[in-house]
């Protein structure tokens, strides 16, 4: 396997972009009066995940990359919490919540693995 040359080649970035799309699709049905509340917040968190992955990749140092991957993880945890809130408010049906939850957990594991690998590689030097 060759070295990844662009952040768009990262599977974790691709999957996070898929999650953003899913969040936008599902949040369209949220109540209009919530447009500046949970709807806006859940979308901002979702967008923050691939954005931080891309920005960290572009920094070209492992320390900065890890820092941005951790920010992406933080945004993901925030998104997971907001998805629970949306489900509890009946904005998001259980089946849709489960689909998003499965995707977010997969992404969580991928980010955690990347962070660990980068930290382990940095500690070997």
PDB file of N, CA and C in Angstrom:
ATOM      1  N   UNK A   1       0.838  -1.172   0.000  1.00  0.00           N
ATOM      2  CA  UNK A   1       0.000   0.000   0.000  1.00  0.00           C
ATOM      3  C   UNK A   1       0.882   1.234   0.000  1.00  0.00           C
ATOM      4  N   UNK A   2       0.591   2.175  -0.894  1.00  0.00           N
ATOM      5  CA  UNK A   2       1.387   3.388  -0.998  1.00  0.00           C
ATOM      6  C   UNK A   2       1.006   4.407   0.064  1.00  0.00           C
ATOM      7  N   UNK A   3       1.850   5.403   0.179  1.00  0.00           N
ATOM      8  CA  UNK A   3       1.600   6.462   1.144  1.00  0.00           C
ATOM      9  C   UNK A   3       0.440   7.335   0.663  1.00  0.00           C
ATOM     10  N   UNK A   4      -0.380   7.756   1.578  1.00  0.00           N
ATOM     11  CA  UNK A   4      -1.515   8.617   1.254  1.00  0.00           C
ATOM     12  C   UNK A   4      -0.986  10.018   0.979  1.00  0.00           C
ATOM     13  N   UNK A   5      -1.354  10.559  -0.161  1.00  0.00           N
ATOM     14  CA  UNK A   5      -0.828  11.851  -0.594  1.00  0.00           C
ATOM     15  C   UNK A   5      -1.789  13.008  -0.314  1.00  0.00           C
ATOM     16  N   UNK A   6      -3.071  12.702  -0.183  1.00  0.00           N
ATOM     17  CA  UNK A   6      -4.069  13.741   0.037  1.00  0.00           C
ATOM     18  C   UNK A   6      -5.003  13.322   1.169  1.00  0.00           C
ATOM     19  N   UNK A   7      -5.487  14.295   1.913  1.00  0.00           N
ATOM     20  CA  UNK A   7      -6.421  13.973   2.995  1.00  0.00           C
ATOM     21  C   UNK A   7      -7.696  13.328   2.455  1.00  0.00           C
ATOM     22  N   UNK A   8      -8.065  13.642   1.221  1.00  0.00           N
ATOM     23  CA  UNK A   8      -9.272  13.063   0.635  1.00  0.00           C
ATOM     24  C   UNK A   8      -9.133  11.558   0.398  1.00  0.00           C
ATOM     25  N   UNK A   9      -7.905  11.055   0.417  1.00  0.00           N
ATOM     26  CA  UNK A   9      -7.668   9.620   0.269  1.00  0.00           C
ATOM     27  C   UNK A   9      -7.847   8.859   1.583  1.00  0.00           C
ATOM     28  N   UNK A  10      -7.916   9.571   2.686  1.00  0.00           N
ATOM     29  CA  UNK A  10      -8.066   8.934   3.994  1.00  0.00           C
ATOM     30  C   UNK A  10      -9.484   8.382   4.152  1.00  0.00           C
ATOM     31  N   UNK A  11      -9.582   7.112   4.481  1.00  0.00           N
ATOM     32  CA  UNK A  11     -10.887   6.486   4.679  1.00  0.00           C
ATOM     33  C   UNK A  11     -11.653   7.178   5.810  1.00  0.00           C
ATOM     34  N   UNK A  12     -10.957   7.587   6.846  1.00  0.00           N
ATOM     35  CA  UNK A  12     -11.607   8.248   7.977  1.00  0.00           C
ATOM     36  C   UNK A  12     -12.229   9.574   7.535  1.00  0.00           C
ATOM     37  N   UNK A  13     -11.572  10.293   6.646  1.00  0.00           N
ATOM     38  CA  UNK A  13     -12.127  11.551   6.130  1.00  0.00           C
ATOM     39  C   UNK A  13     -13.360  11.250   5.265  1.00  0.00           C
ATOM     40  N   UNK A  14     -13.254  10.243   4.412  1.00  0.00           N
ATOM     41  CA  UNK A  14     -14.371   9.873   3.536  1.00  0.00           C
ATOM     42  C   UNK A  14     -15.601   9.471   4.359  1.00  0.00           C
ATOM     43  N   UNK A  15     -15.379   8.668   5.383  1.00  0.00           N
ATOM     44  CA  UNK A  15     -16.499   8.225   6.222  1.00  0.00           C
ATOM     45  C   UNK A  15     -17.085   9.395   7.018  1.00  0.00           C
ATOM     46  N   UNK A  16     -16.239  10.320   7.428  1.00  0.00           N
ATOM     47  CA  UNK A  16     -16.754  11.480   8.154  1.00  0.00           C
ATOM     48  C   UNK A  16     -17.572  12.377   7.226  1.00  0.00           C
ATOM     49  N   UNK A  17     -17.182  12.450   5.970  1.00  0.00           N
ATOM     50  CA  UNK A  17     -17.965  13.210   4.988  1.00  0.00           C
ATOM     51  C   UNK A  17     -19.326  12.539   4.767  1.00  0.00           C
ATOM     52  N   UNK A  18     -19.346  11.220   4.738  1.00  0.00           N
ATOM     53  CA  UNK A  18     -20.615  10.496   4.615  1.00  0.00           C
ATOM     54  C   UNK A  18     -21.529  10.783   5.803  1.00  0.00           C
ATOM     55  N   UNK A  19     -20.932  10.868   7.003  1.00  0.00           N
ATOM     56  CA  UNK A  19     -21.713  11.156   8.198  1.00  0.00           C
ATOM     57  C   UNK A  19     -22.287  12.578   8.131  1.00  0.00           C
ATOM     58  N   UNK A  20     -21.506  13.529   7.642  1.00  0.00           N
ATOM     59  CA  UNK A  20     -22.005  14.900   7.481  1.00  0.00           C
ATOM     60  C   UNK A  20     -23.230  14.904   6.567  1.00  0.00           C
ATOM     61  N   UNK A  21     -23.135  14.214   5.459  1.00  0.00           N
ATOM     62  CA  UNK A  21     -24.244  14.147   4.509  1.00  0.00           C
ATOM     63  C   UNK A  21     -25.477  13.548   5.172  1.00  0.00           C
ATOM     64  N   UNK A  22     -25.277  12.480   5.921  1.00  0.00           N
ATOM     65  CA  UNK A  22     -26.381  11.826   6.624  1.00  0.00           C
ATOM     66  C   UNK A  22     -27.010  12.774   7.652  1.00  0.00           C
ATOM     67  N   UNK A  23     -26.180  13.489   8.391  1.00  0.00           N
ATOM     68  CA  UNK A  23     -26.677  14.442   9.384  1.00  0.00           C
ATOM     69  C   UNK A  23     -27.525  15.524   8.718  1.00  0.00           C
ATOM     70  N   UNK A  24     -27.039  16.064   7.617  1.00  0.00           N
ATOM     71  CA  UNK A  24     -27.800  17.096   6.915  1.00  0.00           C
ATOM     72  C   UNK A  24     -29.122  16.541   6.392  1.00  0.00           C
ATOM     73  N   UNK A  25     -29.076  15.347   5.815  1.00  0.00           N
ATOM     74  CA  UNK A  25     -30.311  14.750   5.292  1.00  0.00           C
ATOM     75  C   UNK A  25     -31.338  14.540   6.402  1.00  0.00           C
ATOM     76  N   UNK A  26     -30.904  13.998   7.517  1.00  0.00           N
ATOM     77  CA  UNK A  26     -31.836  13.669   8.599  1.00  0.00           C
ATOM     78  C   UNK A  26     -32.296  14.903   9.357  1.00  0.00           C
ATOM     79  N   UNK A  27     -31.452  15.915   9.453  1.00  0.00           N
ATOM     80  CA  UNK A  27     -31.830  17.112  10.221  1.00  0.00           C
ATOM     81  C   UNK A  27     -32.771  18.029   9.432  1.00  0.00           C
ATOM     82  N   UNK A  28     -32.952  17.775   8.145  1.00  0.00           N
ATOM     83  CA  UNK A  28     -33.913  18.558   7.352  1.00  0.00           C
ATOM     84  C   UNK A  28     -35.332  18.427   7.897  1.00  0.00           C
ATOM     85  N   UNK A  29     -35.615  17.293   8.514  1.00  0.00           N
ATOM     86  CA  UNK A  29     -36.968  17.063   9.028  1.00  0.00           C
ATOM     87  C   UNK A  29     -37.156  17.565  10.461  1.00  0.00           C
ATOM     88  N   UNK A  30     -36.115  18.121  11.073  1.00  0.00           N
ATOM     89  CA  UNK A  30     -36.251  18.676  12.420  1.00  0.00           C
ATOM     90  C   UNK A  30     -37.214  19.865  12.350  1.00  0.00           C
ATOM     91  N   UNK A  31     -37.884  20.177  13.443  1.00  0.00           N
ATOM     92  CA  UNK A  31     -38.826  21.312  13.440  1.00  0.00           C
ATOM     93  C   UNK A  31     -38.154  22.614  13.013  1.00  0.00           C
ATOM     94  N   UNK A  32     -38.867  23.401  12.220  1.00  0.00           N
ATOM     95  CA  UNK A  32     -38.321  24.668  11.702  1.00  0.00           C
ATOM     96  C   UNK A  32     -37.987  25.636  12.832  1.00  0.00           C
ATOM     97  N   UNK A  33     -38.748  25.591  13.916  1.00  0.00           N
ATOM     98  CA  UNK A  33     -38.479  26.504  15.034  1.00  0.00           C
ATOM     99  C   UNK A  33     -37.166  26.172  15.748  1.00  0.00           C
ATOM    100  N   UNK A  34     -36.587  25.034  15.419  1.00  0.00           N
ATOM    101  CA  UNK A  34     -35.322  24.632  16.030  1.00  0.00           C
ATOM    102  C   UNK A  34     -34.136  24.924  15.120  1.00  0.00           C
ATOM    103  N   UNK A  35     -34.346  25.629  14.044  1.00  0.00           N
ATOM    104  CA  UNK A  35     -33.296  25.867  13.043  1.00  0.00           C
ATOM    105  C   UNK A  35     -32.030  26.480  13.634  1.00  0.00           C
ATOM    106  N   UNK A  36     -32.182  27.328  14.649  1.00  0.00           N
ATOM    107  CA  UNK A  36     -31.010  27.989  15.239  1.00  0.00           C
ATOM    108  C   UNK A  36     -30.559  27.326  16.529  1.00  0.00           C
ATOM    109  N   UNK A  37     -31.192  26.229  16.873  1.00  0.00           N
ATOM    110  CA  UNK A  37     -30.837  25.499  18.082  1.00  0.00           C
ATOM    111  C   UNK A  37     -30.101  24.214  17.751  1.00  0.00           C
ATOM    112  N   UNK A  38     -30.727  23.112  18.061  1.00  0.00           N
ATOM    113  CA  UNK A  38     -30.108  21.802  17.884  1.00  0.00           C
ATOM    114  C   UNK A  38     -29.759  21.526  16.424  1.00  0.00           C
ATOM    115  N   UNK A  39     -30.609  21.931  15.502  1.00  0.00           N
ATOM    116  CA  UNK A  39     -30.347  21.682  14.078  1.00  0.00           C
ATOM    117  C   UNK A  39     -29.028  22.308  13.655  1.00  0.00           C
ATOM    118  N   UNK A  40     -28.845  23.559  13.996  1.00  0.00           N
ATOM    119  CA  UNK A  40     -27.615  24.269  13.650  1.00  0.00           C
ATOM    120  C   UNK A  40     -26.403  23.652  14.345  1.00  0.00           C
ATOM    121  N   UNK A  41     -26.553  23.344  15.617  1.00  0.00           N
ATOM    122  CA  UNK A  41     -25.443  22.800  16.398  1.00  0.00           C
ATOM    123  C   UNK A  41     -25.012  21.422  15.899  1.00  0.00           C
ATOM    124  N   UNK A  42     -25.967  20.568  15.607  1.00  0.00           N
ATOM    125  CA  UNK A  42     -25.648  19.212  15.158  1.00  0.00           C
ATOM    126  C   UNK A  42     -24.935  19.256  13.800  1.00  0.00           C
ATOM    127  N   UNK A  43     -25.333  20.181  12.959  1.00  0.00           N
ATOM    128  CA  UNK A  43     -24.685  20.329  11.658  1.00  0.00           C
ATOM    129  C   UNK A  43     -23.263  20.869  11.801  1.00  0.00           C
ATOM    130  N   UNK A  44     -23.087  21.859  12.671  1.00  0.00           N
ATOM    131  CA  UNK A  44     -21.739  22.415  12.879  1.00  0.00           C
ATOM    132  C   UNK A  44     -20.777  21.355  13.414  1.00  0.00           C
ATOM    133  N   UNK A  45     -21.249  20.545  14.343  1.00  0.00           N
ATOM    134  CA  UNK A  45     -20.391  19.479  14.890  1.00  0.00           C
ATOM    135  C   UNK A  45     -20.011  18.480  13.803  1.00  0.00           C
ATOM    136  N   UNK A  46     -20.989  18.099  13.012  1.00  0.00           N
ATOM    137  CA  UNK A  46     -20.725  17.119  11.947  1.00  0.00           C
ATOM    138  C   UNK A  46     -19.695  17.668  10.965  1.00  0.00           C
ATOM    139  N   UNK A  47     -19.843  18.919  10.560  1.00  0.00           N
ATOM    140  CA  UNK A  47     -18.920  19.544   9.611  1.00  0.00           C
ATOM    141  C   UNK A  47     -17.519  19.666  10.209  1.00  0.00           C
ATOM    142  N   UNK A  48     -17.451  19.863  11.496  1.00  0.00           N
ATOM    143  CA  UNK A  48     -16.165  20.037  12.180  1.00  0.00           C
ATOM    144  C   UNK A  48     -15.289  18.782  12.109  1.00  0.00           C
ATOM    145  N   UNK A  49     -15.895  17.628  12.038  1.00  0.00           N
ATOM    146  CA  UNK A  49     -15.125  16.374  12.065  1.00  0.00           C
ATOM    147  C   UNK A  49     -14.212  16.248  10.837  1.00  0.00           C
ATOM    148  N   UNK A  50     -14.745  16.215   9.601  1.00  0.00           N
ATOM    149  CA  UNK A  50     -13.833  16.106   8.454  1.00  0.00           C
ATOM    150  C   UNK A  50     -12.953  17.349   8.292  1.00  0.00           C
ATOM    151  N   UNK A  51     -13.466  18.499   8.722  1.00  0.00           N
ATOM    152  CA  UNK A  51     -12.671  19.729   8.619  1.00  0.00           C
ATOM    153  C   UNK A  51     -11.410  19.635   9.469  1.00  0.00           C
ATOM    154  N   UNK A  52     -11.535  19.133  10.687  1.00  0.00           N
ATOM    155  CA  UNK A  52     -10.368  18.984  11.555  1.00  0.00           C
ATOM    156  C   UNK A  52      -9.420  17.897  11.065  1.00  0.00           C
ATOM    157  N   UNK A  53      -9.957  16.833  10.506  1.00  0.00           N
ATOM    158  CA  UNK A  53      -9.104  15.787   9.933  1.00  0.00           C
ATOM    159  C   UNK A  53      -8.271  16.381   8.801  1.00  0.00           C
ATOM    160  N   UNK A  54      -8.915  17.137   7.928  1.00  0.00           N
ATOM    161  CA  UNK A  54      -8.214  17.749   6.796  1.00  0.00           C
ATOM    162  C   UNK A  54      -7.188  18.771   7.267  1.00  0.00           C
ATOM    163  N   UNK A  55      -7.565  19.618   8.206  1.00  0.00           N
ATOM    164  CA  UNK A  55      -6.636  20.642   8.681  1.00  0.00           C
ATOM    165  C   UNK A  55      -5.424  20.020   9.362  1.00  0.00           C
ATOM    166  N   UNK A  56      -5.658  19.012  10.177  1.00  0.00           N
ATOM    167  CA  UNK A  56      -4.543  18.329  10.840  1.00  0.00           C
ATOM    168  C   UNK A  56      -3.599  17.681   9.849  1.00  0.00           C
ATOM    169  N   UNK A  57      -4.175  17.066   8.832  1.00  0.00           N
ATOM    170  CA  UNK A  57      -3.351  16.439   7.790  1.00  0.00           C
ATOM    171  C   UNK A  57      -2.472  17.487   7.118  1.00  0.00           C
ATOM    172  N   UNK A  58      -3.041  18.645   6.886  1.00  0.00           N
ATOM    173  CA  UNK A  58      -2.306  19.708   6.205  1.00  0.00           C
ATOM    174  C   UNK A  58      -1.208  20.353   7.027  1.00  0.00           C
ATOM    175  N   UNK A  59      -1.204  20.125   8.317  1.00  0.00           N
ATOM    176  CA  UNK A  59      -0.195  20.728   9.180  1.00  0.00           C
ATOM    177  C   UNK A  59       1.169  20.062   9.039  1.00  0.00           C
ATOM    178  N   UNK A  60       1.184  18.832   8.599  1.00  0.00           N
ATOM    179  CA  UNK A  60       2.408  18.094   8.260  1.00  0.00           C
ATOM    180  C   UNK A  60       3.332  17.764   9.435  1.00  0.00           C
ATOM    181  N   UNK A  61       2.881  17.940  10.660  1.00  0.00           N
ATOM    182  CA  UNK A  61       3.649  17.447  11.801  1.00  0.00           C
ATOM    183  C   UNK A  61       2.740  16.520  12.596  1.00  0.00           C
ATOM    184  N   UNK A  62       3.296  15.469  13.141  1.00  0.00           N
ATOM    185  CA  UNK A  62       2.454  14.492  13.840  1.00  0.00           C
ATOM    186  C   UNK A  62       1.802  15.096  15.083  1.00  0.00           C
ATOM    187  N   UNK A  63       2.504  15.999  15.758  1.00  0.00           N
ATOM    188  CA  UNK A  63       1.921  16.622  16.943  1.00  0.00           C
ATOM    189  C   UNK A  63       0.678  17.428  16.614  1.00  0.00           C
ATOM    190  N   UNK A  64       0.766  18.239  15.564  1.00  0.00           N
ATOM    191  CA  UNK A  64      -0.398  19.013  15.139  1.00  0.00           C
ATOM    192  C   UNK A  64      -1.499  18.102  14.621  1.00  0.00           C
ATOM    193  N   UNK A  65      -1.109  17.082  13.889  1.00  0.00           N
ATOM    194  CA  UNK A  65      -2.091  16.157  13.338  1.00  0.00           C
ATOM    195  C   UNK A  65      -2.881  15.484  14.458  1.00  0.00           C
ATOM    196  N   UNK A  66      -2.188  15.019  15.481  1.00  0.00           N
ATOM    197  CA  UNK A  66      -2.850  14.380  16.622  1.00  0.00           C
ATOM    198  C   UNK A  66      -3.795  15.373  17.303  1.00  0.00           C
ATOM    199  N   UNK A  67      -3.341  16.602  17.466  1.00  0.00           N
ATOM    200  CA  UNK A  67      -4.167  17.624  18.115  1.00  0.00           C
ATOM    201  C   UNK A  67      -5.472  17.827  17.336  1.00  0.00           C
ATOM    202  N   UNK A  68      -5.386  17.906  16.015  1.00  0.00           N
ATOM    203  CA  UNK A  68      -6.591  18.099  15.207  1.00  0.00           C
ATOM    204  C   UNK A  68      -7.454  16.838  15.159  1.00  0.00           C
ATOM    205  N   UNK A  69      -6.844  15.672  15.187  1.00  0.00           N
ATOM    206  CA  UNK A  69      -7.634  14.434  15.256  1.00  0.00           C
ATOM    207  C   UNK A  69      -8.383  14.357  16.586  1.00  0.00           C
ATOM    208  N   UNK A  70      -7.755  14.842  17.644  1.00  0.00           N
ATOM    209  CA  UNK A  70      -8.441  14.882  18.948  1.00  0.00           C
ATOM    210  C   UNK A  70      -9.605  15.863  18.919  1.00  0.00           C
ATOM    211  N   UNK A  71      -9.436  16.982  18.224  1.00  0.00           N
ATOM    212  CA  UNK A  71     -10.551  17.927  18.075  1.00  0.00           C
ATOM    213  C   UNK A  71     -11.680  17.288  17.270  1.00  0.00           C
ATOM    214  N   UNK A  72     -11.323  16.540  16.234  1.00  0.00           N
ATOM    215  CA  UNK A  72     -12.336  15.822  15.449  1.00  0.00           C
ATOM    216  C   UNK A  72     -13.084  14.831  16.338  1.00  0.00           C
ATOM    217  N   UNK A  73     -12.342  14.142  17.203  1.00  0.00           N
ATOM    218  CA  UNK A  73     -12.974  13.196  18.137  1.00  0.00           C
ATOM    219  C   UNK A  73     -13.918  13.921  19.088  1.00  0.00           C
ATOM    220  N   UNK A  74     -13.488  15.063  19.592  1.00  0.00           N
ATOM    221  CA  UNK A  74     -14.338  15.848  20.483  1.00  0.00           C
ATOM    222  C   UNK A  74     -15.624  16.275  19.795  1.00  0.00           C
ATOM    223  N   UNK A  75     -15.513  16.704  18.550  1.00  0.00           N
ATOM    224  CA  UNK A  75     -16.703  17.085  17.785  1.00  0.00           C
ATOM    225  C   UNK A  75     -17.601  15.878  17.554  1.00  0.00           C
ATOM    226  N   UNK A  76     -16.997  14.723  17.340  1.00  0.00           N
ATOM    227  CA  UNK A  76     -17.777  13.502  17.154  1.00  0.00           C
ATOM    228  C   UNK A  76     -18.547  13.145  18.428  1.00  0.00           C
ATOM    229  N   UNK A  77     -17.902  13.256  19.586  1.00  0.00           N
ATOM    230  CA  UNK A  77     -18.594  12.968  20.851  1.00  0.00           C
ATOM    231  C   UNK A  77     -19.741  13.956  21.073  1.00  0.00           C
ATOM    232  N   UNK A  78     -19.506  15.198  20.717  1.00  0.00           N
ATOM    233  CA  UNK A  78     -20.554  16.205  20.824  1.00  0.00           C
ATOM    234  C   UNK A  78     -21.712  15.852  19.891  1.00  0.00           C
ATOM    235  N   UNK A  79     -21.394  15.433  18.674  1.00  0.00           N
ATOM    236  CA  UNK A  79     -22.418  15.028  17.717  1.00  0.00           C
ATOM    237  C   UNK A  79     -23.214  13.831  18.233  1.00  0.00           C
ATOM    238  N   UNK A  80     -22.526  12.847  18.805  1.00  0.00           N
ATOM    239  CA  UNK A  80     -23.215  11.678  19.343  1.00  0.00           C
ATOM    240  C   UNK A  80     -24.210  12.081  20.435  1.00  0.00           C
ATOM    241  N   UNK A  81     -23.810  13.023  21.276  1.00  0.00           N
ATOM    242  CA  UNK A  81     -24.690  13.520  22.333  1.00  0.00           C
ATOM    243  C   UNK A  81     -25.901  14.228  21.739  1.00  0.00           C
ATOM    244  N   UNK A  82     -25.665  15.043  20.733  1.00  0.00           N
ATOM    245  CA  UNK A  82     -26.764  15.775  20.100  1.00  0.00           C
ATOM    246  C   UNK A  82     -27.703  14.849  19.346  1.00  0.00           C
ATOM    247  N   UNK A  83     -27.167  13.774  18.785  1.00  0.00           N
ATOM    248  CA  UNK A  83     -28.031  12.786  18.126  1.00  0.00           C
ATOM    249  C   UNK A  83     -28.946  12.133  19.158  1.00  0.00           C
ATOM    250  N   UNK A  84     -28.425  11.861  20.350  1.00  0.00           N
ATOM    251  CA  UNK A  84     -29.247  11.301  21.441  1.00  0.00           C
ATOM    252  C   UNK A  84     -30.357  12.274  21.821  1.00  0.00           C
ATOM    253  N   UNK A  85     -29.992  13.552  21.914  1.00  0.00           N
ATOM    254  CA  UNK A  85     -30.983  14.576  22.254  1.00  0.00           C
ATOM    255  C   UNK A  85     -32.070  14.614  21.180  1.00  0.00           C
ATOM    256  N   UNK A  86     -31.661  14.598  19.916  1.00  0.00           N
ATOM    257  CA  UNK A  86     -32.630  14.613  18.813  1.00  0.00           C
ATOM    258  C   UNK A  86     -33.558  13.398  18.877  1.00  0.00           C
ATOM    259  N   UNK A  87     -32.986  12.259  19.218  1.00  0.00           N
ATOM    260  CA  UNK A  87     -33.804  11.048  19.352  1.00  0.00           C
ATOM    261  C   UNK A  87     -34.777  11.201  20.523  1.00  0.00           C
ATOM    262  N   UNK A  88     -34.288  11.704  21.654  1.00  0.00           N
ATOM    263  CA  UNK A  88     -35.130  11.867  22.843  1.00  0.00           C
ATOM    264  C   UNK A  88     -36.268  12.860  22.614  1.00  0.00           C
ATOM    265  N   UNK A  89     -36.037  13.850  21.745  1.00  0.00           N
ATOM    266  CA  UNK A  89     -37.061  14.845  21.424  1.00  0.00           C
ATOM    267  C   UNK A  89     -37.982  14.386  20.290  1.00  0.00           C
ATOM    268  N   UNK A  90     -37.768  13.157  19.821  1.00  0.00           N
ATOM    269  CA  UNK A  90     -38.532  12.568  18.717  1.00  0.00           C
ATOM    270  C   UNK A  90     -38.324  13.320  17.407  1.00  0.00           C
ATOM    271  N   UNK A  91     -37.184  13.992  17.272  1.00  0.00           N
ATOM    272  CA  UNK A  91     -36.808  14.610  16.002  1.00  0.00           C
ATOM    273  C   UNK A  91     -36.233  13.555  15.066  1.00  0.00           C
ATOM    274  N   UNK A  92     -35.684  12.513  15.665  1.00  0.00           N
ATOM    275  CA  UNK A  92     -34.969  11.479  14.927  1.00  0.00           C
ATOM    276  C   UNK A  92     -35.543  10.115  15.317  1.00  0.00           C
ATOM    277  N   UNK A  93     -36.155   9.409  14.365  1.00  0.00           N
ATOM    278  CA  UNK A  93     -36.691   8.080  14.673  1.00  0.00           C
ATOM    279  C   UNK A  93     -35.565   7.116  15.099  1.00  0.00           C
ATOM    280  N   UNK A  94     -35.915   6.155  15.900  1.00  0.00           N
ATOM    281  CA  UNK A  94     -34.943   5.188  16.422  1.00  0.00           C
ATOM    282  C   UNK A  94     -34.124   4.534  15.311  1.00  0.00           C
ATOM    283  N   UNK A  95     -34.774   4.151  14.220  1.00  0.00           N
ATOM    284  CA  UNK A  95     -34.057   3.477  13.125  1.00  0.00           C
ATOM    285  C   UNK A  95     -33.018   4.396  12.494  1.00  0.00           C
ATOM    286  N   UNK A  96     -33.347   5.662  12.344  1.00  0.00           N
ATOM    287  CA  UNK A  96     -32.403   6.631  11.773  1.00  0.00           C
ATOM    288  C   UNK A  96     -31.281   6.918  12.761  1.00  0.00           C
ATOM    289  N   UNK A  97     -31.644   7.006  14.029  1.00  0.00           N
ATOM    290  CA  UNK A  97     -30.633   7.203  15.069  1.00  0.00           C
ATOM    291  C   UNK A  97     -29.636   6.059  15.051  1.00  0.00           C
ATOM    292  N   UNK A  98     -30.125   4.822  14.954  1.00  0.00           N
ATOM    293  CA  UNK A  98     -29.245   3.653  14.962  1.00  0.00           C
ATOM    294  C   UNK A  98     -28.280   3.677  13.780  1.00  0.00           C
ATOM    295  N   UNK A  99     -28.769   4.063  12.613  1.00  0.00           N
ATOM    296  CA  UNK A  99     -27.912   4.144  11.431  1.00  0.00           C
ATOM    297  C   UNK A  99     -26.792   5.162  11.647  1.00  0.00           C
ATOM    298  N   UNK A 100     -27.150   6.312  12.171  1.00  0.00           N
ATOM    299  CA  UNK A 100     -26.146   7.345  12.436  1.00  0.00           C
ATOM    300  C   UNK A 100     -25.196   6.918  13.546  1.00  0.00           C
ATOM    301  N   UNK A 101     -25.728   6.248  14.543  1.00  0.00           N
ATOM    302  CA  UNK A 101     -24.916   5.791  15.672  1.00  0.00           C
ATOM    303  C   UNK A 101     -23.861   4.775  15.216  1.00  0.00           C
ATOM    304  N   UNK A 102     -24.264   3.830  14.378  1.00  0.00           N
ATOM    305  CA  UNK A 102     -23.320   2.835  13.851  1.00  0.00           C
ATOM    306  C   UNK A 102     -22.191   3.528  13.091  1.00  0.00           C
ATOM    307  N   UNK A 103     -22.545   4.484  12.247  1.00  0.00           N
ATOM    308  CA  UNK A 103     -21.521   5.227  11.499  1.00  0.00           C
ATOM    309  C   UNK A 103     -20.608   6.008  12.423  1.00  0.00           C
ATOM    310  N   UNK A 104     -21.176   6.632  13.436  1.00  0.00           N
ATOM    311  CA  UNK A 104     -20.359   7.448  14.335  1.00  0.00           C
ATOM    312  C   UNK A 104     -19.436   6.587  15.197  1.00  0.00           C
ATOM    313  N   UNK A 105     -19.877   5.425  15.597  1.00  0.00           N
ATOM    314  CA  UNK A 105     -19.024   4.536  16.397  1.00  0.00           C
ATOM    315  C   UNK A 105     -17.863   4.020  15.560  1.00  0.00           C
ATOM    316  N   UNK A 106     -18.140   3.679  14.314  1.00  0.00           N
ATOM    317  CA  UNK A 106     -17.066   3.254  13.409  1.00  0.00           C
ATOM    318  C   UNK A 106     -16.032   4.371  13.262  1.00  0.00           C
ATOM    319  N   UNK A 107     -16.500   5.579  13.084  1.00  0.00           N
ATOM    320  CA  UNK A 107     -15.621   6.737  12.948  1.00  0.00           C
ATOM    321  C   UNK A 107     -14.825   6.973  14.234  1.00  0.00           C
ATOM    322  N   UNK A 108     -15.474   6.813  15.360  1.00  0.00           N
ATOM    323  CA  UNK A 108     -14.809   6.953  16.664  1.00  0.00           C
ATOM    324  C   UNK A 108     -13.640   5.980  16.788  1.00  0.00           C
ATOM    325  N   UNK A 109     -13.861   4.746  16.408  1.00  0.00           N
ATOM    326  CA  UNK A 109     -12.804   3.731  16.467  1.00  0.00           C
ATOM    327  C   UNK A 109     -11.659   4.066  15.515  1.00  0.00           C
ATOM    328  N   UNK A 110     -11.993   4.533  14.334  1.00  0.00           N
ATOM    329  CA  UNK A 110     -10.958   4.880  13.349  1.00  0.00           C
ATOM    330  C   UNK A 110     -10.102   6.045  13.845  1.00  0.00           C
ATOM    331  N   UNK A 111     -10.738   7.068  14.389  1.00  0.00           N
ATOM    332  CA  UNK A 111      -9.990   8.213  14.907  1.00  0.00           C
ATOM    333  C   UNK A 111      -9.095   7.803  16.068  1.00  0.00           C
ATOM    334  N   UNK A 112      -9.624   6.993  16.954  1.00  0.00           N
ATOM    335  CA  UNK A 112      -8.849   6.521  18.099  1.00  0.00           C
ATOM    336  C   UNK A 112      -7.626   5.726  17.648  1.00  0.00           C
ATOM    337  N   UNK A 113      -7.817   4.875  16.657  1.00  0.00           N
ATOM    338  CA  UNK A 113      -6.726   4.069  16.117  1.00  0.00           C
ATOM    339  C   UNK A 113      -5.655   4.955  15.474  1.00  0.00           C
ATOM    340  N   UNK A 114      -6.099   5.937  14.704  1.00  0.00           N
ATOM    341  CA  UNK A 114      -5.130   6.842  14.057  1.00  0.00           C
ATOM    342  C   UNK A 114      -4.308   7.596  15.091  1.00  0.00           C
ATOM    343  N   UNK A 115      -4.976   8.097  16.114  1.00  0.00           N
ATOM    344  CA  UNK A 115      -4.283   8.843  17.170  1.00  0.00           C
ATOM    345  C   UNK A 115      -3.260   7.950  17.851  1.00  0.00           C
ATOM    346  N   UNK A 116      -3.660   6.736  18.197  1.00  0.00           N
ATOM    347  CA  UNK A 116      -2.741   5.798  18.853  1.00  0.00           C
ATOM    348  C   UNK A 116      -1.536   5.481  17.979  1.00  0.00           C
ATOM    349  N   UNK A 117      -1.779   5.232  16.706  1.00  0.00           N
ATOM    350  CA  UNK A 117      -0.670   4.914  15.797  1.00  0.00           C
ATOM    351  C   UNK A 117       0.284   6.083  15.648  1.00  0.00           C
ATOM    352  N   UNK A 118      -0.233   7.281  15.523  1.00  0.00           N
ATOM    353  CA  UNK A 118       0.621   8.463  15.407  1.00  0.00           C
ATOM    354  C   UNK A 118       1.423   8.693  16.683  1.00  0.00           C
ATOM    355  N   UNK A 119       0.797   8.501  17.834  1.00  0.00           N
ATOM    356  CA  UNK A 119       1.507   8.667  19.096  1.00  0.00           C
ATOM    357  C   UNK A 119       2.571   7.608  19.290  1.00  0.00           C
ATOM    358  N   UNK A 120       2.252   6.381  18.931  1.00  0.00           N
ATOM    359  CA  UNK A 120       3.233   5.285  19.042  1.00  0.00           C
ATOM    360  C   UNK A 120       4.422   5.518  18.117  1.00  0.00           C
ATOM    361  N   UNK A 121       4.162   5.977  16.900  1.00  0.00           N
ATOM    362  CA  UNK A 121       5.234   6.254  15.949  1.00  0.00           C
ATOM    363  C   UNK A 121       6.130   7.390  16.448  1.00  0.00           C
ATOM    364  N   UNK A 122       5.500   8.397  17.073  1.00  0.00           N
ATOM    365  CA  UNK A 122       6.278   9.540  17.592  1.00  0.00           C
ATOM    366  C   UNK A 122       7.130   9.123  18.782  1.00  0.00           C
ATOM    367  N   UNK A 123       6.643   8.192  19.582  1.00  0.00           N
ATOM    368  CA  UNK A 123       7.381   7.744  20.768  1.00  0.00           C
ATOM    369  C   UNK A 123       8.530   6.803  20.436  1.00  0.00           C
ATOM    370  N   UNK A 124       8.546   6.231  19.233  1.00  0.00           N
ATOM    371  CA  UNK A 124       9.607   5.321  18.827  1.00  0.00           C
ATOM    372  C   UNK A 124      10.866   6.071  18.387  1.00  0.00           C
ATOM    373  N   UNK A 125      10.726   7.337  18.106  1.00  0.00           N
ATOM    374  CA  UNK A 125      11.877   8.124  17.620  1.00  0.00           C
ATOM    375  C   UNK A 125      12.796   8.534  18.749  1.00  0.00           C
TER     376      UNK A 125
END
